PDB file of N, CA and C in Angstrom:
ATOM      1  N   MET A   1       3.244 -65.693  40.132  1.00  0.00           N
ATOM      2  CA  MET A   1       2.214 -65.149  41.330  1.00  0.00           C
ATOM      3  C   MET A   1       2.897 -64.863  42.332  1.00  0.00           C
ATOM      4  N   LYS A   2       2.157 -63.598  42.979  1.00  0.00           N
ATOM      5  CA  LYS A   2       2.916 -62.543  44.243  1.00  0.00           C
ATOM      6  C   LYS A   2       2.253 -63.579  45.548  1.00  0.00           C
ATOM      7  N   ASN A   3       3.117 -63.241  46.671  1.00  0.00           N
ATOM      8  CA  ASN A   3       2.593 -63.750  47.689  1.00  0.00           C
ATOM      9  C   ASN A   3       1.589 -62.957  48.304  1.00  0.00           C
ATOM     10  N   LYS A   4       0.659 -63.250  49.175  1.00  0.00           N
ATOM     11  CA  LYS A   4      -0.319 -62.022  49.835  1.00  0.00           C
ATOM     12  C   LYS A   4       0.858 -61.917  50.764  1.00  0.00           C
ATOM     13  N   VAL A   5       0.446 -60.218  50.984  1.00  0.00           N
ATOM     14  CA  VAL A   5       1.129 -59.747  52.271  1.00  0.00           C
ATOM     15  C   VAL A   5       0.060 -59.596  53.083  1.00  0.00           C
ATOM     16  N   SER A   6       0.274 -60.015  54.585  1.00  0.00           N
ATOM     17  CA  SER A   6      -0.479 -60.068  55.390  1.00  0.00           C
ATOM     18  C   SER A   6      -0.316 -58.275  56.514  1.00  0.00           C
ATOM     19  N   PRO A   7      -1.629 -57.600  56.492  1.00  0.00           N
ATOM     20  CA  PRO A   7      -1.352 -56.111  56.796  1.00  0.00           C
ATOM     21  C   PRO A   7      -1.319 -55.917  58.675  1.00  0.00           C
ATOM     22  N   LYS A   8       0.113 -56.351  58.973  1.00  0.00           N
ATOM     23  CA  LYS A   8       0.329 -56.545  60.638  1.00  0.00           C
ATOM     24  C   LYS A   8       1.369 -55.376  60.739  1.00  0.00           C
ATOM     25  N   ILE A   9       1.390 -55.331  62.033  1.00  0.00           N
ATOM     26  CA  ILE A   9       2.744 -54.321  62.541  1.00  0.00           C
ATOM     27  C   ILE A   9       3.553 -55.549  63.469  1.00  0.00           C
ATOM     28  N   MET A  10       4.935 -54.845  64.093  1.00  0.00           N
ATOM     29  CA  MET A  10       5.701 -55.715  64.479  1.00  0.00           C
ATOM     30  C   MET A  10       5.356 -56.199  65.689  1.00  0.00           C
ATOM     31  N   SER A  11       5.560 -57.241  66.531  1.00  0.00           N
ATOM     32  CA  SER A  11       5.648 -57.185  68.122  1.00  0.00           C
ATOM     33  C   SER A  11       6.241 -55.807  68.715  1.00  0.00           C
ATOM     34  N   GLY A  12       5.488 -55.689  69.757  1.00  0.00           N
ATOM     35  CA  GLY A  12       6.387 -54.758  70.357  1.00  0.00           C
ATOM     36  C   GLY A  12       6.008 -53.259  69.994  1.00  0.00           C
ATOM     37  N   PHE A  13       5.328 -52.731  68.923  1.00  0.00           N
ATOM     38  CA  PHE A  13       4.700 -51.866  68.220  1.00  0.00           C
ATOM     39  C   PHE A  13       3.188 -51.659  68.642  1.00  0.00           C
ATOM     40  N   MET A  14       2.832 -50.336  68.803  1.00  0.00           N
ATOM     41  CA  MET A  14       1.436 -50.052  69.128  1.00  0.00           C
ATOM     42  C   MET A  14       0.952 -48.989  67.899  1.00  0.00           C
ATOM     43  N   GLU A  15      -0.372 -49.460  67.562  1.00  0.00           N
ATOM     44  CA  GLU A  15      -1.062 -48.672  66.351  1.00  0.00           C
ATOM     45  C   GLU A  15      -2.400 -48.246  66.997  1.00  0.00           C
ATOM     46  N   LEU A  16      -3.143 -47.533  66.860  1.00  0.00           N
ATOM     47  CA  LEU A  16      -4.226 -47.123  67.680  1.00  0.00           C
ATOM     48  C   LEU A  16      -5.409 -46.910  66.172  1.00  0.00           C
ATOM     49  N   LEU A  17      -6.762 -47.206  66.741  1.00  0.00           N
ATOM     50  CA  LEU A  17      -8.000 -46.201  65.686  1.00  0.00           C
ATOM     51  C   LEU A  17      -8.025 -45.030  66.310  1.00  0.00           C
ATOM     52  N   PRO A  18      -8.341 -44.368  65.326  1.00  0.00           N
ATOM     53  CA  PRO A  18      -8.763 -43.022  65.934  1.00  0.00           C
ATOM     54  C   PRO A  18      -9.561 -42.334  67.027  1.00  0.00           C
ATOM     55  N   ALA A  19     -10.559 -43.056  67.108  1.00  0.00           N
ATOM     56  CA  ALA A  19     -10.982 -43.127  68.789  1.00  0.00           C
ATOM     57  C   ALA A  19      -9.959 -43.573  69.971  1.00  0.00           C
ATOM     58  N   GLU A  20      -9.490 -44.587  69.925  1.00  0.00           N
ATOM     59  CA  GLU A  20      -8.439 -44.806  70.776  1.00  0.00           C
ATOM     60  C   GLU A  20      -7.479 -43.732  70.605  1.00  0.00           C
ATOM     61  N   GLN A  21      -6.693 -43.481  69.823  1.00  0.00           N
ATOM     62  CA  GLN A  21      -5.934 -42.282  69.756  1.00  0.00           C
ATOM     63  C   GLN A  21      -6.350 -40.940  70.316  1.00  0.00           C
ATOM     64  N   ILE A  22      -7.439 -40.530  70.267  1.00  0.00           N
ATOM     65  CA  ILE A  22      -8.065 -39.308  70.515  1.00  0.00           C
ATOM     66  C   ILE A  22      -8.180 -39.606  72.468  1.00  0.00           C
ATOM     67  N   VAL A  23      -8.208 -40.577  72.984  1.00  0.00           N
ATOM     68  CA  VAL A  23      -8.363 -40.977  74.174  1.00  0.00           C
ATOM     69  C   VAL A  23      -6.691 -40.889  75.043  1.00  0.00           C
ATOM     70  N   PHE A  24      -6.110 -41.749  74.114  1.00  0.00           N
ATOM     71  CA  PHE A  24      -4.605 -41.621  74.579  1.00  0.00           C
ATOM     72  C   PHE A  24      -3.648 -40.191  74.601  1.00  0.00           C
ATOM     73  N   ASP A  25      -4.029 -39.697  73.319  1.00  0.00           N
ATOM     74  CA  ASP A  25      -3.726 -38.242  73.434  1.00  0.00           C
ATOM     75  C   ASP A  25      -4.221 -37.460  74.403  1.00  0.00           C
ATOM     76  N   GLN A  26      -5.182 -37.365  75.063  1.00  0.00           N
ATOM     77  CA  GLN A  26      -5.893 -36.762  75.883  1.00  0.00           C
ATOM     78  C   GLN A  26      -5.359 -37.166  77.453  1.00  0.00           C
ATOM     79  N   MET A  27      -5.076 -38.345  77.744  1.00  0.00           N
ATOM     80  CA  MET A  27      -4.548 -38.910  78.657  1.00  0.00           C
ATOM     81  C   MET A  27      -3.196 -38.399  78.704  1.00  0.00           C
ATOM     82  N   LYS A  28      -2.253 -38.717  77.916  1.00  0.00           N
ATOM     83  CA  LYS A  28      -0.830 -38.212  77.526  1.00  0.00           C
ATOM     84  C   LYS A  28      -0.885 -36.625  78.035  1.00  0.00           C
ATOM     85  N   GLN A  29      -1.524 -35.942  77.432  1.00  0.00           N
ATOM     86  CA  GLN A  29      -1.554 -34.507  77.604  1.00  0.00           C
ATOM     87  C   GLN A  29      -1.845 -34.345  79.244  1.00  0.00           C
ATOM     88  N   ILE A  30      -2.768 -34.887  80.031  1.00  0.00           N
ATOM     89  CA  ILE A  30      -2.967 -34.547  81.381  1.00  0.00           C
ATOM     90  C   ILE A  30      -1.565 -35.224  82.502  1.00  0.00           C
ATOM     91  N   ILE A  31      -1.199 -36.097  81.939  1.00  0.00           N
ATOM     92  CA  ILE A  31      -0.019 -36.610  82.761  1.00  0.00           C
ATOM     93  C   ILE A  31       1.044 -35.956  82.250  1.00  0.00           C
ATOM     94  N   GLU A  32       1.240 -35.082  81.172  1.00  0.00           N
ATOM     95  CA  GLU A  32       2.387 -33.775  81.099  1.00  0.00           C
ATOM     96  C   GLU A  32       2.395 -32.844  81.675  1.00  0.00           C
ATOM     97  N   GLN A  33       0.697 -32.197  81.714  1.00  0.00           N
ATOM     98  CA  GLN A  33       0.414 -30.915  82.546  1.00  0.00           C
ATOM     99  C   GLN A  33       0.689 -30.894  83.894  1.00  0.00           C
ATOM    100  N   THR A  34       0.362 -32.766  84.632  1.00  0.00           N
ATOM    101  CA  THR A  34       0.349 -32.726  85.870  1.00  0.00           C
ATOM    102  C   THR A  34       2.139 -32.887  85.924  1.00  0.00           C
ATOM    103  N   TYR A  35       2.668 -33.494  85.210  1.00  0.00           N
ATOM    104  CA  TYR A  35       4.300 -33.137  85.608  1.00  0.00           C
ATOM    105  C   TYR A  35       4.665 -32.301  85.547  1.00  0.00           C
ATOM    106  N   GLN A  36       4.561 -31.074  84.791  1.00  0.00           N
ATOM    107  CA  GLN A  36       4.709 -30.028  84.568  1.00  0.00           C
ATOM    108  C   GLN A  36       4.538 -29.073  85.573  1.00  0.00           C
ATOM    109  N   THR A  37       3.316 -28.995  86.391  1.00  0.00           N
ATOM    110  CA  THR A  37       2.971 -28.490  87.693  1.00  0.00           C
ATOM    111  C   THR A  37       3.901 -28.882  88.373  1.00  0.00           C
ATOM    112  N   TYR A  38       4.687 -29.686  88.633  1.00  0.00           N
ATOM    113  CA  TYR A  38       5.472 -29.609  89.754  1.00  0.00           C
ATOM    114  C   TYR A  38       7.188 -29.644  88.964  1.00  0.00           C
ATOM    115  N   GLY A  39       7.180 -28.979  88.315  1.00  0.00           N
ATOM    116  CA  GLY A  39       8.370 -28.735  87.897  1.00  0.00           C
ATOM    117  C   GLY A  39       9.494 -29.532  86.822  1.00  0.00           C
ATOM    118  N   PHE A  40       8.428 -30.408  86.190  1.00  0.00           N
ATOM    119  CA  PHE A  40       9.149 -31.390  85.306  1.00  0.00           C
ATOM    120  C   PHE A  40       9.095 -30.878  83.671  1.00  0.00           C
ATOM    121  N   VAL A  41      10.197 -31.185  82.930  1.00  0.00           N
ATOM    122  CA  VAL A  41      10.022 -30.783  81.593  1.00  0.00           C
ATOM    123  C   VAL A  41       9.830 -32.026  80.639  1.00  0.00           C
ATOM    124  N   SER A  42       9.472 -31.808  79.426  1.00  0.00           N
ATOM    125  CA  SER A  42       9.327 -32.590  78.417  1.00  0.00           C
ATOM    126  C   SER A  42      11.177 -32.502  78.265  1.00  0.00           C
ATOM    127  N   LEU A  43      11.453 -34.256  77.464  1.00  0.00           N
ATOM    128  CA  LEU A  43      12.475 -34.612  77.221  1.00  0.00           C
ATOM    129  C   LEU A  43      12.448 -35.400  75.924  1.00  0.00           C
ATOM    130  N   ASP A  44      12.412 -35.439  74.868  1.00  0.00           N
ATOM    131  CA  ASP A  44      12.374 -35.734  73.437  1.00  0.00           C
ATOM    132  C   ASP A  44      14.069 -36.402  73.318  1.00  0.00           C
ATOM    133  N   THR A  45      14.288 -37.325  73.222  1.00  0.00           N
ATOM    134  CA  THR A  45      15.816 -38.240  72.710  1.00  0.00           C
ATOM    135  C   THR A  45      15.051 -39.089  71.304  1.00  0.00           C
ATOM    136  N   PRO A  46      16.034 -39.066  70.676  1.00  0.00           N
ATOM    137  CA  PRO A  46      16.286 -40.118  69.317  1.00  0.00           C
ATOM    138  C   PRO A  46      15.739 -41.289  69.819  1.00  0.00           C
ATOM    139  N   VAL A  47      14.860 -41.947  68.863  1.00  0.00           N
ATOM    140  CA  VAL A  47      14.486 -43.156  68.951  1.00  0.00           C
ATOM    141  C   VAL A  47      15.719 -44.124  68.420  1.00  0.00           C
ATOM    142  N   MET A  48      16.730 -43.326  67.784  1.00  0.00           N
ATOM    143  CA  MET A  48      18.209 -44.497  67.548  1.00  0.00           C
ATOM    144  C   MET A  48      19.176 -44.116  68.627  1.00  0.00           C
ATOM    145  N   GLU A  49      19.691 -44.955  68.998  1.00  0.00           N
ATOM    146  CA  GLU A  49      20.914 -44.649  69.664  1.00  0.00           C
ATOM    147  C   GLU A  49      22.128 -45.561  69.106  1.00  0.00           C
ATOM    148  N   LEU A  50      23.559 -44.965  69.176  1.00  0.00           N
ATOM    149  CA  LEU A  50      24.632 -46.198  69.088  1.00  0.00           C
ATOM    150  C   LEU A  50      24.582 -47.026  69.621  1.00  0.00           C
ATOM    151  N   SER A  51      24.733 -48.335  69.111  1.00  0.00           N
ATOM    152  CA  SER A  51      24.647 -49.883  69.881  1.00  0.00           C
ATOM    153  C   SER A  51      25.702 -49.815  70.877  1.00  0.00           C
ATOM    154  N   GLU A  52      26.816 -49.418  70.741  1.00  0.00           N
ATOM    155  CA  GLU A  52      27.527 -49.342  71.946  1.00  0.00           C
ATOM    156  C   GLU A  52      27.235 -48.848  73.409  1.00  0.00           C
ATOM    157  N   VAL A  53      26.628 -47.283  72.682  1.00  0.00           N
ATOM    158  CA  VAL A  53      25.804 -46.502  73.972  1.00  0.00           C
ATOM    159  C   VAL A  53      24.912 -47.101  74.429  1.00  0.00           C
ATOM    160  N   LEU A  54      23.882 -48.155  74.224  1.00  0.00           N
ATOM    161  CA  LEU A  54      23.149 -48.788  74.869  1.00  0.00           C
ATOM    162  C   LEU A  54      23.340 -50.136  75.333  1.00  0.00           C
ATOM    163  N   LEU A  55      24.312 -50.631  74.654  1.00  0.00           N
ATOM    164  CA  LEU A  55      24.445 -51.783  75.200  1.00  0.00           C
ATOM    165  C   LEU A  55      25.820 -51.830  76.207  1.00  0.00           C
ATOM    166  N   ALA A  56      26.514 -50.530  76.480  1.00  0.00           N
ATOM    167  CA  ALA A  56      27.607 -50.452  77.419  1.00  0.00           C
ATOM    168  C   ALA A  56      27.586 -51.065  78.651  1.00  0.00           C
ATOM    169  N   LYS A  57      26.390 -51.029  79.330  1.00  0.00           N
ATOM    170  CA  LYS A  57      26.432 -51.685  80.851  1.00  0.00           C
ATOM    171  C   LYS A  57      25.401 -53.153  80.584  1.00  0.00           C
ATOM    172  N   ALA A  58      24.798 -53.091  79.732  1.00  0.00           N
ATOM    173  CA  ALA A  58      24.015 -54.323  79.680  1.00  0.00           C
ATOM    174  C   ALA A  58      24.906 -55.565  79.028  1.00  0.00           C
ATOM    175  N   GLY A  59      24.448 -55.620  77.713  1.00  0.00           N
ATOM    176  CA  GLY A  59      24.945 -56.436  76.884  1.00  0.00           C
ATOM    177  C   GLY A  59      24.058 -57.684  76.760  1.00  0.00           C
ATOM    178  N   GLY A  60      24.043 -58.950  77.026  1.00  0.00           N
ATOM    179  CA  GLY A  60      22.853 -60.215  76.733  1.00  0.00           C
ATOM    180  C   GLY A  60      21.476 -59.983  76.565  1.00  0.00           C
ATOM    181  N   GLU A  61      20.904 -59.591  77.755  1.00  0.00           N
ATOM    182  CA  GLU A  61      19.632 -59.713  77.926  1.00  0.00           C
ATOM    183  C   GLU A  61      19.218 -58.597  76.991  1.00  0.00           C
ATOM    184  N   THR A  62      19.968 -57.370  77.123  1.00  0.00           N
ATOM    185  CA  THR A  62      19.194 -56.195  76.472  1.00  0.00           C
ATOM    186  C   THR A  62      19.599 -56.495  74.850  1.00  0.00           C
ATOM    187  N   GLU A  63      20.424 -57.319  74.190  1.00  0.00           N
ATOM    188  CA  GLU A  63      20.729 -57.673  72.842  1.00  0.00           C
ATOM    189  C   GLU A  63      19.290 -58.222  72.609  1.00  0.00           C
ATOM    190  N   LYS A  64      19.069 -58.799  73.076  1.00  0.00           N
ATOM    191  CA  LYS A  64      17.599 -59.627  72.799  1.00  0.00           C
ATOM    192  C   LYS A  64      16.191 -58.669  72.811  1.00  0.00           C
ATOM    193  N   GLN A  65      16.574 -57.733  73.495  1.00  0.00           N
ATOM    194  CA  GLN A  65      15.195 -56.905  73.235  1.00  0.00           C
ATOM    195  C   GLN A  65      15.333 -55.505  72.516  1.00  0.00           C
ATOM    196  N   ILE A  66      16.520 -55.407  71.535  1.00  0.00           N
ATOM    197  CA  ILE A  66      16.587 -54.409  70.490  1.00  0.00           C
ATOM    198  C   ILE A  66      16.673 -54.715  69.170  1.00  0.00           C
ATOM    199  N   TYR A  67      16.376 -53.782  68.110  1.00  0.00           N
ATOM    200  CA  TYR A  67      16.829 -54.410  67.297  1.00  0.00           C
ATOM    201  C   TYR A  67      17.723 -53.420  66.780  1.00  0.00           C
ATOM    202  N   ARG A  68      18.553 -54.069  65.776  1.00  0.00           N
ATOM    203  CA  ARG A  68      20.116 -53.485  65.798  1.00  0.00           C
ATOM    204  C   ARG A  68      19.928 -53.832  64.443  1.00  0.00           C
ATOM    205  N   PHE A  69      20.606 -52.757  63.622  1.00  0.00           N
ATOM    206  CA  PHE A  69      21.400 -52.387  62.409  1.00  0.00           C
ATOM    207  C   PHE A  69      22.484 -51.873  61.922  1.00  0.00           C
ATOM    208  N   GLN A  70      23.031 -52.131  60.788  1.00  0.00           N
ATOM    209  CA  GLN A  70      24.113 -51.289  60.109  1.00  0.00           C
ATOM    210  C   GLN A  70      23.368 -50.037  59.506  1.00  0.00           C
ATOM    211  N   LYS A  71      23.735 -48.597  59.023  1.00  0.00           N
ATOM    212  CA  LYS A  71      23.466 -47.625  58.430  1.00  0.00           C
ATOM    213  C   LYS A  71      25.238 -47.142  57.972  1.00  0.00           C
ATOM    214  N   GLY A  72      25.419 -47.645  57.276  1.00  0.00           N
ATOM    215  CA  GLY A  72      26.619 -47.349  56.442  1.00  0.00           C
ATOM    216  C   GLY A  72      27.741 -48.024  57.938  1.00  0.00           C
ATOM    217  N   ASP A  73      28.724 -47.357  58.049  1.00  0.00           N
ATOM    218  CA  ASP A  73      29.616 -47.481  59.262  1.00  0.00           C
ATOM    219  C   ASP A  73      29.325 -47.579  60.744  1.00  0.00           C
ATOM    220  N   ALA A  74      28.047 -46.797  60.945  1.00  0.00           N
ATOM    221  CA  ALA A  74      27.263 -47.007  62.240  1.00  0.00           C
ATOM    222  C   ALA A  74      26.548 -48.212  62.408  1.00  0.00           C
ATOM    223  N   ASP A  75      27.156 -48.743  63.879  1.00  0.00           N
ATOM    224  CA  ASP A  75      26.066 -49.725  64.462  1.00  0.00           C
ATOM    225  C   ASP A  75      24.827 -49.032  65.156  1.00  0.00           C
ATOM    226  N   ILE A  76      23.703 -49.282  64.942  1.00  0.00           N
ATOM    227  CA  ILE A  76      22.762 -48.124  65.205  1.00  0.00           C
ATOM    228  C   ILE A  76      21.481 -49.470  66.121  1.00  0.00           C
ATOM    229  N   SER A  77      21.016 -49.047  67.105  1.00  0.00           N
ATOM    230  CA  SER A  77      19.874 -49.865  67.719  1.00  0.00           C
ATOM    231  C   SER A  77      18.590 -48.659  68.049  1.00  0.00           C
ATOM    232  N   LEU A  78      17.799 -49.538  67.841  1.00  0.00           N
ATOM    233  CA  LEU A  78      16.539 -48.802  68.516  1.00  0.00           C
ATOM    234  C   LEU A  78      16.203 -48.717  69.787  1.00  0.00           C
ATOM    235  N   ARG A  79      16.222 -47.932  70.737  1.00  0.00           N
ATOM    236  CA  ARG A  79      15.720 -47.651  71.909  1.00  0.00           C
ATOM    237  C   ARG A  79      14.635 -48.699  72.423  1.00  0.00           C
ATOM    238  N   PHE A  80      14.404 -49.388  73.495  1.00  0.00           N
ATOM    239  CA  PHE A  80      13.427 -50.171  73.934  1.00  0.00           C
ATOM    240  C   PHE A  80      12.797 -49.161  75.504  1.00  0.00           C
ATOM    241  N   ASP A  81      13.405 -48.104  76.001  1.00  0.00           N
ATOM    242  CA  ASP A  81      13.108 -47.467  76.973  1.00  0.00           C
ATOM    243  C   ASP A  81      13.931 -46.486  76.904  1.00  0.00           C
ATOM    244  N   LEU A  82      13.834 -45.482  78.037  1.00  0.00           N
ATOM    245  CA  LEU A  82      14.639 -44.347  78.028  1.00  0.00           C
ATOM    246  C   LEU A  82      15.524 -43.833  79.145  1.00  0.00           C
ATOM    247  N   THR A  83      16.011 -45.053  79.676  1.00  0.00           N
ATOM    248  CA  THR A  83      16.648 -45.546  80.792  1.00  0.00           C
ATOM    249  C   THR A  83      18.186 -44.766  80.363  1.00  0.00           C
ATOM    250  N   VAL A  84      18.971 -45.386  78.909  1.00  0.00           N
ATOM    251  CA  VAL A  84      19.979 -45.119  78.580  1.00  0.00           C
ATOM    252  C   VAL A  84      20.084 -43.697  77.764  1.00  0.00           C
ATOM    253  N   PRO A  85      18.815 -43.562  76.994  1.00  0.00           N
ATOM    254  CA  PRO A  85      19.098 -42.352  76.838  1.00  0.00           C
ATOM    255  C   PRO A  85      18.991 -41.034  77.550  1.00  0.00           C
ATOM    256  N   LEU A  86      18.522 -40.660  78.547  1.00  0.00           N
ATOM    257  CA  LEU A  86      18.204 -39.924  79.567  1.00  0.00           C
ATOM    258  C   LEU A  86      19.820 -40.294  80.115  1.00  0.00           C
ATOM    259  N   ALA A  87      20.291 -40.979  80.367  1.00  0.00           N
ATOM    260  CA  ALA A  87      21.639 -41.118  81.048  1.00  0.00           C
ATOM    261  C   ALA A  87      22.588 -40.502  80.313  1.00  0.00           C
ATOM    262  N   ARG A  88      22.538 -40.707  78.755  1.00  0.00           N
ATOM    263  CA  ARG A  88      23.660 -40.340  77.607  1.00  0.00           C
ATOM    264  C   ARG A  88      23.279 -38.772  77.654  1.00  0.00           C
ATOM    265  N   TYR A  89      22.004 -38.235  77.510  1.00  0.00           N
ATOM    266  CA  TYR A  89      21.521 -36.741  77.854  1.00  0.00           C
ATOM    267  C   TYR A  89      22.061 -36.164  78.461  1.00  0.00           C
ATOM    268  N   VAL A  90      22.076 -36.797  80.103  1.00  0.00           N
ATOM    269  CA  VAL A  90      22.609 -36.015  81.209  1.00  0.00           C
ATOM    270  C   VAL A  90      23.922 -35.823  80.937  1.00  0.00           C
ATOM    271  N   ALA A  91      24.890 -37.080  80.929  1.00  0.00           N
ATOM    272  CA  ALA A  91      26.390 -37.137  80.664  1.00  0.00           C
ATOM    273  C   ALA A  91      26.844 -36.083  79.581  1.00  0.00           C
ATOM    274  N   ALA A  92      25.761 -35.986  78.917  1.00  0.00           N
ATOM    275  CA  ALA A  92      26.037 -35.049  77.540  1.00  0.00           C
ATOM    276  C   ALA A  92      26.239 -33.518  77.880  1.00  0.00           C
ATOM    277  N   HIS A  93      25.128 -33.319  79.037  1.00  0.00           N
ATOM    278  CA  HIS A  93      25.005 -32.023  78.749  1.00  0.00           C
ATOM    279  C   HIS A  93      24.662 -31.780  80.530  1.00  0.00           C
ATOM    280  N   GLN A  94      25.688 -32.314  81.289  1.00  0.00           N
ATOM    281  CA  GLN A  94      25.654 -31.697  82.668  1.00  0.00           C
ATOM    282  C   GLN A  94      25.897 -30.435  83.018  1.00  0.00           C
ATOM    283  N   ASN A  95      26.842 -30.138  82.351  1.00  0.00           N
ATOM    284  CA  ASN A  95      27.297 -28.583  82.819  1.00  0.00           C
ATOM    285  C   ASN A  95      26.185 -27.825  82.268  1.00  0.00           C
ATOM    286  N   ASP A  96      25.371 -27.873  81.632  1.00  0.00           N
ATOM    287  CA  ASP A  96      24.274 -27.091  80.957  1.00  0.00           C
ATOM    288  C   ASP A  96      22.912 -27.001  81.556  1.00  0.00           C
ATOM    289  N   LEU A  97      22.776 -28.047  82.961  1.00  0.00           N
ATOM    290  CA  LEU A  97      21.496 -28.540  83.113  1.00  0.00           C
ATOM    291  C   LEU A  97      21.768 -28.151  84.532  1.00  0.00           C
ATOM    292  N   ALA A  98      19.984 -27.909  85.203  1.00  0.00           N
ATOM    293  CA  ALA A  98      20.064 -27.362  86.585  1.00  0.00           C
ATOM    294  C   ALA A  98      19.687 -28.451  87.234  1.00  0.00           C
ATOM    295  N   PHE A  99      20.294 -29.151  88.480  1.00  0.00           N
ATOM    296  CA  PHE A  99      20.111 -30.267  88.955  1.00  0.00           C
ATOM    297  C   PHE A  99      19.284 -30.017  90.374  1.00  0.00           C
ATOM    298  N   PRO A 100      18.079 -30.592  91.031  1.00  0.00           N
ATOM    299  CA  PRO A 100      17.822 -31.831  90.256  1.00  0.00           C
ATOM    300  C   PRO A 100      16.806 -31.813  89.061  1.00  0.00           C
ATOM    301  N   PHE A 101      17.581 -32.690  87.709  1.00  0.00           N
ATOM    302  CA  PHE A 101      16.917 -32.479  86.527  1.00  0.00           C
ATOM    303  C   PHE A 101      15.579 -33.163  86.429  1.00  0.00           C
ATOM    304  N   ARG A 102      14.607 -32.625  86.629  1.00  0.00           N
ATOM    305  CA  ARG A 102      13.435 -33.033  86.524  1.00  0.00           C
ATOM    306  C   ARG A 102      12.980 -33.524  85.159  1.00  0.00           C
ATOM    307  N   ARG A 103      12.714 -34.320  84.474  1.00  0.00           N
ATOM    308  CA  ARG A 103      12.048 -34.561  82.983  1.00  0.00           C
ATOM    309  C   ARG A 103      11.118 -35.616  83.067  1.00  0.00           C
ATOM    310  N   CYS A 104       9.981 -35.130  82.093  1.00  0.00           N
ATOM    311  CA  CYS A 104       8.947 -36.156  81.747  1.00  0.00           C
ATOM    312  C   CYS A 104       9.059 -36.358  79.966  1.00  0.00           C
TER     313      CYS A 104
END
């Protein structure tokens, strides 16, 4: 006999019903357009980072906030905000970016 599986999402993740998603998308579009009016550009960084990069300055508390796993030889974590990915992006592309670098 198989156990029943409860249809729920993991803590910290969001899932919206269609009507809520429409409102969310409209609000996001208004925010993005407002930022773009003032010279900000969109930046989409990977949802996963190498754990060594994500944990380089933090450690302890940050390790409690991430989902971390191994994929082959790679130690990978899901990012929990955009601070580290933005810093990594700027460090990797600093010679190709105009400063001040405005992103949203």
